[in-house]
Structure formats: C-alpha cells, structure tokens
Amino acid sequence: MSASMWTKLLCAGAVGAIIGGAVVATAAPEFNTRGNRFRPLTYAELTSEQRAFADHEIANGRKPETGPFNINLRSPQMAALAQPYSDYLRFKSPAPRKYKEIAIMLTSRYWGGQYVWYSHRKQALDAGLSLAFITAMAAGERPANMPADEATVYDFCSQLLATRQVSDNNFKSMAGLVGERGIVDLVALMGQYTGLTMLFVVDRYPVPTGAPDEVNKPM
C-alpha cells in the first residue's frame, strides 16, 4: 500500500475518533441517573450487560433520571424480566385505573415509600380519585364518603396490608366488583409494588425538593 494511501487512512481514522469522541461527550451528560445509597452510575462505567439494558430502556422512551432506572442497573436481568410483568399489571390488566392506583398508593403508604407515593399522587388524581381520598390515605385514615366501588377496593387492600388476611365479606365484595381474575391481578400489583417500594426505601431514593412529605409516619 502506498504511503499516500496510509496517510489517507490514518487521517480518516483520526477524524472518526474525533467524531466518535464528540458523540460520546455529547451523549454522556444526558445519562443522568439518580440515586442515593445506590450511587448514580454514569454511562461510561456500565458493564456490557448494564449498557445493553440501558440502551434498550432508553430506546423504549425510559429516562435514566427517573424512577428505578439506576436501581435496575444493579440487576439488569431481573429488571428486564420484571418489566413485561409490571407493564401488564399496570397498563393491560382489565381493572379500572383508579382501582390500581388505590392498591399502589396503599402499598407505598404501608412501606413509607415517599418516592412512589409522590410519583403516583398525580396519577391517582388523574385516574379519578379525589384529593380528599388521597389526603385521608396519607394520614392513615379511611376516606370518608367513598363511592361504593372505591370503598370495596380500599377495604380489601387496606385489610390485606394491615392484617395479612382478607375477610369473607371483603373477598366476596371484591369478586363481585372485578371478578377472581381481578383479585389475582390486583394482589399481584400490590406485590410488585411492595418489592419496588422496598427498593426505593432501601436506597433512600431522593424525591424532588418541595415534594409533599405526606407518608413519613407509620399507618
């Protein structure tokens, strides 16, 4: 190969390296994970398995600075397996959205999960729950003047958390409202959010400055 050809190849390689470095330098600041005990990781220090998981999540619209992204990087295989399960329970199972939000909010309240409570507070309002309902849950009180369907879900979920049992009456009422499939899906959702909320609690995951400090006392 001629000297001139080598020169051209070396120049092309150098330009490519510069461009590649610029792309990394531009992209890296956008990978701003959040955490506390689980130290926020940078993209540059991810393992190949973590990077594959992160790339997949980002491609699907998930942002590194939100939710359990930084926690999930500690066990990307677990997180990848859990994601379809979580998506089904939250978005595809047939129960009305407000029933799911009651179950999630009560579960996060039980575990003192300030971040989960904060992140679902607006979602619960958007799902049709009243501010008075949410305020009562935050205080560990049974909401007053609930519609019959909300009372059924609240009584079922709160009794399960508080007593680790469900009465025959509450089971029958819940089955009449959502069917046996609905019971299975809703209890599974509570289990899924138990694990997720516990991870946030273990991390002492930060909430935004000024977020309402509503669940800092045991129920």
C-alpha atoms as a PDB file:
ATOM      1  CA  MET A   1       0.000   0.000   0.000  1.00  0.00           C
ATOM      2  CA  SER A   2       1.381   3.428  -0.948  1.00  0.00           C
ATOM      3  CA  ALA A   3       2.430   5.992   1.609  1.00  0.00           C
ATOM      4  CA  SER A   4      -0.275   8.358   0.409  1.00  0.00           C
ATOM      5  CA  MET A   5      -2.949   5.709   0.966  1.00  0.00           C
ATOM      6  CA  TRP A   6      -1.683   5.073   4.526  1.00  0.00           C
ATOM      7  CA  THR A   7      -1.807   8.802   5.161  1.00  0.00           C
ATOM      8  CA  LYS A   8      -5.406   8.995   3.986  1.00  0.00           C
ATOM      9  CA  LEU A   9      -6.439   6.023   6.146  1.00  0.00           C
ATOM     10  CA  LEU A  10      -4.738   7.454   9.218  1.00  0.00           C
ATOM     11  CA  CYS A  11      -6.404  10.807   8.666  1.00  0.00           C
ATOM     12  CA  ALA A  12      -9.803   9.142   8.219  1.00  0.00           C
ATOM     13  CA  GLY A  13      -9.275   7.141  11.401  1.00  0.00           C
ATOM     14  CA  ALA A  14      -8.314  10.225  13.345  1.00  0.00           C
ATOM     15  CA  VAL A  15     -11.368  12.112  12.107  1.00  0.00           C
ATOM     16  CA  GLY A  16     -13.578   9.145  13.022  1.00  0.00           C
ATOM     17  CA  ALA A  17     -12.110   9.012  16.504  1.00  0.00           C
ATOM     18  CA  ILE A  18     -12.694  12.728  16.987  1.00  0.00           C
ATOM     19  CA  ILE A  19     -16.301  12.454  15.790  1.00  0.00           C
ATOM     20  CA  GLY A  20     -16.898   9.399  17.956  1.00  0.00           C
ATOM     21  CA  GLY A  21     -15.436  11.157  20.964  1.00  0.00           C
ATOM     22  CA  ALA A  22     -17.636  14.162  20.325  1.00  0.00           C
ATOM     23  CA  VAL A  23     -20.724  11.938  20.164  1.00  0.00           C
ATOM     24  CA  VAL A  24     -19.848  10.285  23.486  1.00  0.00           C
ATOM     25  CA  ALA A  25     -19.066  13.637  25.052  1.00  0.00           C
ATOM     26  CA  THR A  26     -22.424  14.962  23.880  1.00  0.00           C
ATOM     27  CA  ALA A  27     -24.431  11.903  24.932  1.00  0.00           C
ATOM     28  CA  ALA A  28     -22.819  11.238  28.301  1.00  0.00           C
ATOM     29  CA  PRO A  29     -24.291  14.280  30.138  1.00  0.00           C
ATOM     30  CA  GLU A  30     -27.790  13.122  29.129  1.00  0.00           C
ATOM     31  CA  PHE A  31     -27.319   9.895  31.092  1.00  0.00           C
ATOM     32  CA  ASN A  32     -28.063  11.416  34.485  1.00  0.00           C
ATOM     33  CA  THR A  33     -29.138   8.593  36.771  1.00  0.00           C
ATOM     34  CA  ARG A  34     -30.453   9.371  40.248  1.00  0.00           C
ATOM     35  CA  GLY A  35     -29.955   7.503  43.477  1.00  0.00           C
ATOM     36  CA  ASN A  36     -28.557   7.656  46.979  1.00  0.00           C
ATOM     37  CA  ARG A  37     -27.158   4.501  48.572  1.00  0.00           C
ATOM     38  CA  PHE A  38     -27.155   3.006  45.099  1.00  0.00           C
ATOM     39  CA  ARG A  39     -24.690   5.506  43.701  1.00  0.00           C
ATOM     40  CA  PRO A  40     -25.799   7.120  40.425  1.00  0.00           C
ATOM     41  CA  LEU A  41     -23.902   5.430  37.615  1.00  0.00           C
ATOM     42  CA  THR A  42     -22.512   7.077  34.501  1.00  0.00           C
ATOM     43  CA  TYR A  43     -22.837   5.516  31.081  1.00  0.00           C
ATOM     44  CA  ALA A  44     -19.056   5.141  30.788  1.00  0.00           C
ATOM     45  CA  GLU A  45     -18.797   2.861  33.813  1.00  0.00           C
ATOM     46  CA  LEU A  46     -21.582   0.441  32.867  1.00  0.00           C
ATOM     47  CA  THR A  47     -20.770  -3.190  32.168  1.00  0.00           C
ATOM     48  CA  SER A  48     -21.767  -4.598  28.787  1.00  0.00           C
ATOM     49  CA  GLU A  49     -24.870  -6.179  30.355  1.00  0.00           C
ATOM     50  CA  GLN A  50     -25.850  -2.931  32.072  1.00  0.00           C
ATOM     51  CA  ARG A  51     -25.237  -0.963  28.889  1.00  0.00           C
ATOM     52  CA  ALA A  52     -27.398  -3.298  26.823  1.00  0.00           C
ATOM     53  CA  PHE A  53     -30.203  -2.897  29.349  1.00  0.00           C
ATOM     54  CA  ALA A  54     -29.788   0.890  29.465  1.00  0.00           C
ATOM     55  CA  ASP A  55     -29.762   1.197  25.670  1.00  0.00           C
ATOM     56  CA  HIS A  56     -32.933  -0.897  25.418  1.00  0.00           C
ATOM     57  CA  GLU A  57     -34.723   1.140  28.080  1.00  0.00           C
ATOM     58  CA  ILE A  58     -33.724   4.467  26.537  1.00  0.00           C
ATOM     59  CA  ALA A  59     -34.797   3.269  23.080  1.00  0.00           C
ATOM     60  CA  ASN A  60     -38.216   2.500  24.616  1.00  0.00           C
ATOM     61  CA  GLY A  61     -38.560   6.014  25.980  1.00  0.00           C
ATOM     62  CA  ARG A  62     -37.471   5.495  29.579  1.00  0.00           C
ATOM     63  CA  LYS A  63     -35.304   8.229  31.056  1.00  0.00           C
ATOM     64  CA  PRO A  64     -32.213   7.418  33.161  1.00  0.00           C
ATOM     65  CA  GLU A  65     -33.005  10.198  35.631  1.00  0.00           C
ATOM     66  CA  THR A  66     -36.442   8.857  36.568  1.00  0.00           C
ATOM     67  CA  GLY A  67     -37.856   6.013  38.602  1.00  0.00           C
ATOM     68  CA  PRO A  68     -35.903   2.840  39.374  1.00  0.00           C
ATOM     69  CA  PHE A  69     -33.554   3.120  36.359  1.00  0.00           C
ATOM     70  CA  ASN A  70     -30.414   3.429  38.499  1.00  0.00           C
ATOM     71  CA  ILE A  71     -31.575   0.691  40.873  1.00  0.00           C
ATOM     72  CA  ASN A  72     -32.374  -1.645  37.991  1.00  0.00           C
ATOM     73  CA  LEU A  73     -28.855  -1.260  36.616  1.00  0.00           C
ATOM     74  CA  ARG A  74     -27.662  -3.289  39.617  1.00  0.00           C
ATOM     75  CA  SER A  75     -29.574  -6.314  38.310  1.00  0.00           C
ATOM     76  CA  PRO A  76     -30.412  -5.753  34.646  1.00  0.00           C
ATOM     77  CA  GLN A  77     -31.515  -9.342  34.072  1.00  0.00           C
ATOM     78  CA  MET A  78     -34.048  -9.115  36.914  1.00  0.00           C
ATOM     79  CA  ALA A  79     -35.249  -5.746  35.651  1.00  0.00           C
ATOM     80  CA  ALA A  80     -35.638  -6.973  32.073  1.00  0.00           C
ATOM     81  CA  LEU A  81     -37.686  -9.963  33.226  1.00  0.00           C
ATOM     82  CA  ALA A  82     -39.809  -7.833  35.558  1.00  0.00           C
ATOM     83  CA  GLN A  83     -40.681  -5.129  33.025  1.00  0.00           C
ATOM     84  CA  PRO A  84     -43.298  -7.049  30.968  1.00  0.00           C
ATOM     85  CA  TYR A  85     -44.896  -8.277  34.195  1.00  0.00           C
ATOM     86  CA  SER A  86     -45.096  -4.748  35.561  1.00  0.00           C
ATOM     87  CA  ASP A  87     -46.425  -3.386  32.268  1.00  0.00           C
ATOM     88  CA  TYR A  88     -49.199  -5.983  32.228  1.00  0.00           C
ATOM     89  CA  LEU A  89     -50.272  -5.328  35.805  1.00  0.00           C
ATOM     90  CA  ARG A  90     -50.236  -1.538  35.444  1.00  0.00           C
ATOM     91  CA  PHE A  91     -51.482  -0.988  31.925  1.00  0.00           C
ATOM     92  CA  LYS A  92     -53.002  -4.144  30.433  1.00  0.00           C
ATOM     93  CA  SER A  93     -54.869  -5.900  33.233  1.00  0.00           C
ATOM     94  CA  PRO A  94     -58.586  -5.109  32.881  1.00  0.00           C
ATOM     95  CA  ALA A  95     -59.331  -3.455  36.253  1.00  0.00           C
ATOM     96  CA  PRO A  96     -60.103   0.296  36.087  1.00  0.00           C
ATOM     97  CA  ARG A  97     -57.089   2.505  36.540  1.00  0.00           C
ATOM     98  CA  LYS A  98     -58.331   4.089  39.764  1.00  0.00           C
ATOM     99  CA  TYR A  99     -58.540   0.680  41.433  1.00  0.00           C
ATOM    100  CA  LYS A 100     -54.903   0.063  40.549  1.00  0.00           C
ATOM    101  CA  GLU A 101     -53.901   3.455  41.926  1.00  0.00           C
ATOM    102  CA  ILE A 102     -55.675   2.731  45.226  1.00  0.00           C
ATOM    103  CA  ALA A 103     -53.705  -0.517  45.501  1.00  0.00           C
ATOM    104  CA  ILE A 104     -50.403   1.173  44.602  1.00  0.00           C
ATOM    105  CA  MET A 105     -50.922   4.152  46.899  1.00  0.00           C
ATOM    106  CA  LEU A 106     -51.907   1.995  49.868  1.00  0.00           C
ATOM    107  CA  THR A 107     -48.913  -0.269  49.314  1.00  0.00           C
ATOM    108  CA  SER A 108     -46.486   2.642  49.086  1.00  0.00           C
ATOM    109  CA  ARG A 109     -48.129   4.209  52.139  1.00  0.00           C
ATOM    110  CA  TYR A 110     -47.684   0.983  54.108  1.00  0.00           C
ATOM    111  CA  TRP A 111     -43.950   0.900  53.352  1.00  0.00           C
ATOM    112  CA  GLY A 112     -43.404   4.643  53.822  1.00  0.00           C
ATOM    113  CA  GLY A 113     -42.407   4.857  50.186  1.00  0.00           C
ATOM    114  CA  GLN A 114     -42.170   8.604  49.757  1.00  0.00           C
ATOM    115  CA  TYR A 115     -40.963   8.474  46.144  1.00  0.00           C
ATOM    116  CA  VAL A 116     -43.621   6.006  44.955  1.00  0.00           C
ATOM    117  CA  TRP A 117     -46.267   7.997  46.788  1.00  0.00           C
ATOM    118  CA  TYR A 118     -45.010  11.225  45.234  1.00  0.00           C
ATOM    119  CA  SER A 119     -44.771   9.773  41.717  1.00  0.00           C
ATOM    120  CA  HIS A 120     -48.273   8.238  41.830  1.00  0.00           C
ATOM    121  CA  ARG A 121     -50.069  11.065  43.599  1.00  0.00           C
ATOM    122  CA  LYS A 122     -50.863  12.946  40.393  1.00  0.00           C
ATOM    123  CA  GLN A 123     -51.581   9.685  38.570  1.00  0.00           C
ATOM    124  CA  ALA A 124     -54.150   8.831  41.236  1.00  0.00           C
ATOM    125  CA  LEU A 125     -55.800  12.225  40.783  1.00  0.00           C
ATOM    126  CA  ASP A 126     -55.780  11.775  37.003  1.00  0.00           C
ATOM    127  CA  ALA A 127     -57.372   8.349  37.464  1.00  0.00           C
ATOM    128  CA  GLY A 128     -60.349   9.934  39.203  1.00  0.00           C
ATOM    129  CA  LEU A 129     -59.540   9.710  42.911  1.00  0.00           C
ATOM    130  CA  SER A 130     -60.398  12.832  44.885  1.00  0.00           C
ATOM    131  CA  LEU A 131     -57.866  14.945  46.745  1.00  0.00           C
ATOM    132  CA  ALA A 132     -59.789  14.231  49.964  1.00  0.00           C
ATOM    133  CA  PHE A 133     -59.408  10.486  49.323  1.00  0.00           C
ATOM    134  CA  ILE A 134     -55.634  10.821  48.856  1.00  0.00           C
ATOM    135  CA  THR A 135     -55.231  13.131  51.848  1.00  0.00           C
ATOM    136  CA  ALA A 136     -57.039  10.630  54.085  1.00  0.00           C
ATOM    137  CA  MET A 137     -54.851   7.769  52.841  1.00  0.00           C
ATOM    138  CA  ALA A 138     -51.752   9.847  53.533  1.00  0.00           C
ATOM    139  CA  ALA A 139     -52.923  10.352  57.126  1.00  0.00           C
ATOM    140  CA  GLY A 140     -53.585   6.617  57.520  1.00  0.00           C
ATOM    141  CA  GLU A 141     -57.329   7.216  57.753  1.00  0.00           C
ATOM    142  CA  ARG A 142     -60.229   5.575  55.944  1.00  0.00           C
ATOM    143  CA  PRO A 143     -61.510   8.125  53.406  1.00  0.00           C
ATOM    144  CA  ALA A 144     -64.999   9.428  54.080  1.00  0.00           C
ATOM    145  CA  ASN A 145     -67.882   9.423  51.608  1.00  0.00           C
ATOM    146  CA  MET A 146     -66.285   6.975  49.189  1.00  0.00           C
ATOM    147  CA  PRO A 147     -68.269   5.666  46.225  1.00  0.00           C
ATOM    148  CA  ALA A 148     -69.159   2.007  46.760  1.00  0.00           C
ATOM    149  CA  ASP A 149     -66.585   0.693  44.280  1.00  0.00           C
ATOM    150  CA  GLU A 150     -63.722   2.706  45.782  1.00  0.00           C
ATOM    151  CA  ALA A 151     -64.733   1.580  49.278  1.00  0.00           C
ATOM    152  CA  THR A 152     -64.651  -2.054  48.158  1.00  0.00           C
ATOM    153  CA  VAL A 153     -61.116  -1.753  46.775  1.00  0.00           C
ATOM    154  CA  TYR A 154     -59.899   0.317  49.714  1.00  0.00           C
ATOM    155  CA  ASP A 155     -61.282  -2.096  52.321  1.00  0.00           C
ATOM    156  CA  PHE A 156     -59.877  -5.144  50.541  1.00  0.00           C
ATOM    157  CA  CYS A 157     -56.373  -3.729  50.051  1.00  0.00           C
ATOM    158  CA  SER A 158     -56.069  -1.996  53.409  1.00  0.00           C
ATOM    159  CA  GLN A 159     -57.247  -5.087  55.291  1.00  0.00           C
ATOM    160  CA  LEU A 160     -54.760  -7.286  53.429  1.00  0.00           C
ATOM    161  CA  LEU A 161     -51.899  -4.941  54.324  1.00  0.00           C
ATOM    162  CA  ALA A 162     -52.933  -4.334  57.920  1.00  0.00           C
ATOM    163  CA  THR A 163     -53.965  -7.850  58.959  1.00  0.00           C
ATOM    164  CA  ARG A 164     -52.357 -10.120  56.323  1.00  0.00           C
ATOM    165  CA  GLN A 165     -55.822 -11.571  55.808  1.00  0.00           C
ATOM    166  CA  VAL A 166     -58.993 -10.739  53.892  1.00  0.00           C
ATOM    167  CA  SER A 167     -62.441 -11.359  55.332  1.00  0.00           C
ATOM    168  CA  ASP A 168     -65.063 -13.410  53.504  1.00  0.00           C
ATOM    169  CA  ASN A 169     -67.182 -10.284  53.095  1.00  0.00           C
ATOM    170  CA  ASN A 170     -64.352  -8.267  51.559  1.00  0.00           C
ATOM    171  CA  PHE A 171     -63.394 -11.142  49.261  1.00  0.00           C
ATOM    172  CA  LYS A 172     -66.987 -11.547  48.103  1.00  0.00           C
ATOM    173  CA  SER A 173     -67.405  -7.802  47.523  1.00  0.00           C
ATOM    174  CA  MET A 174     -64.167  -7.617  45.573  1.00  0.00           C
ATOM    175  CA  ALA A 175     -65.017 -10.655  43.466  1.00  0.00           C
ATOM    176  CA  GLY A 176     -68.366  -9.067  42.661  1.00  0.00           C
ATOM    177  CA  LEU A 177     -66.595  -5.896  41.553  1.00  0.00           C
ATOM    178  CA  VAL A 178     -63.642  -7.187  39.493  1.00  0.00           C
ATOM    179  CA  GLY A 179     -64.016 -10.988  39.402  1.00  0.00           C
ATOM    180  CA  GLU A 180     -61.488 -13.539  40.579  1.00  0.00           C
ATOM    181  CA  ARG A 181     -59.066 -12.589  37.819  1.00  0.00           C
ATOM    182  CA  GLY A 182     -59.239  -9.002  39.002  1.00  0.00           C
ATOM    183  CA  ILE A 183     -58.414 -10.072  42.553  1.00  0.00           C
ATOM    184  CA  VAL A 184     -55.382 -12.039  41.374  1.00  0.00           C
ATOM    185  CA  ASP A 185     -54.124  -9.168  39.226  1.00  0.00           C
ATOM    186  CA  LEU A 186     -54.659  -6.548  41.924  1.00  0.00           C
ATOM    187  CA  VAL A 187     -52.923  -8.575  44.638  1.00  0.00           C
ATOM    188  CA  ALA A 188     -50.065  -9.252  42.214  1.00  0.00           C
ATOM    189  CA  LEU A 189     -49.829  -5.493  41.583  1.00  0.00           C
ATOM    190  CA  MET A 190     -49.566  -4.896  45.321  1.00  0.00           C
ATOM    191  CA  GLY A 191     -46.811  -7.500  45.490  1.00  0.00           C
ATOM    192  CA  GLN A 192     -44.952  -5.933  42.594  1.00  0.00           C
ATOM    193  CA  TYR A 193     -45.146  -2.503  44.217  1.00  0.00           C
ATOM    194  CA  THR A 194     -44.127  -3.933  47.568  1.00  0.00           C
ATOM    195  CA  GLY A 195     -40.823  -5.007  46.020  1.00  0.00           C
ATOM    196  CA  LEU A 196     -40.379  -1.770  44.093  1.00  0.00           C
ATOM    197  CA  THR A 197     -41.217   0.456  47.060  1.00  0.00           C
ATOM    198  CA  MET A 198     -38.887  -1.508  49.315  1.00  0.00           C
ATOM    199  CA  LEU A 199     -36.036  -0.944  46.853  1.00  0.00           C
ATOM    200  CA  PHE A 200     -36.671   2.811  46.877  1.00  0.00           C
ATOM    201  CA  VAL A 201     -36.805   2.744  50.691  1.00  0.00           C
ATOM    202  CA  VAL A 202     -33.541   0.776  50.932  1.00  0.00           C
ATOM    203  CA  ASP A 203     -31.894   3.250  48.547  1.00  0.00           C
ATOM    204  CA  ARG A 204     -33.355   6.237  50.387  1.00  0.00           C
ATOM    205  CA  TYR A 205     -34.137   7.427  46.892  1.00  0.00           C
ATOM    206  CA  PRO A 206     -34.394  11.220  46.710  1.00  0.00           C
ATOM    207  CA  VAL A 207     -37.643  12.986  45.980  1.00  0.00           C
ATOM    208  CA  PRO A 208     -37.728  16.408  44.306  1.00  0.00           C
ATOM    209  CA  THR A 209     -37.244  19.426  46.524  1.00  0.00           C
ATOM    210  CA  GLY A 210     -40.583  20.625  47.838  1.00  0.00           C
ATOM    211  CA  ALA A 211     -42.398  17.316  47.305  1.00  0.00           C
ATOM    212  CA  PRO A 212     -45.164  16.824  49.915  1.00  0.00           C
ATOM    213  CA  ASP A 213     -43.819  14.887  52.915  1.00  0.00           C
ATOM    214  CA  GLU A 214     -47.059  13.014  53.480  1.00  0.00           C
ATOM    215  CA  VAL A 215     -46.099   9.448  54.387  1.00  0.00           C
ATOM    216  CA  ASN A 216     -43.340   9.837  56.941  1.00  0.00           C
ATOM    217  CA  LYS A 217     -45.318   8.215  59.795  1.00  0.00           C
ATOM    218  CA  PRO A 218     -46.410   4.560  60.088  1.00  0.00           C
ATOM    219  CA  MET A 219     -50.043   3.729  59.363  1.00  0.00           C
END
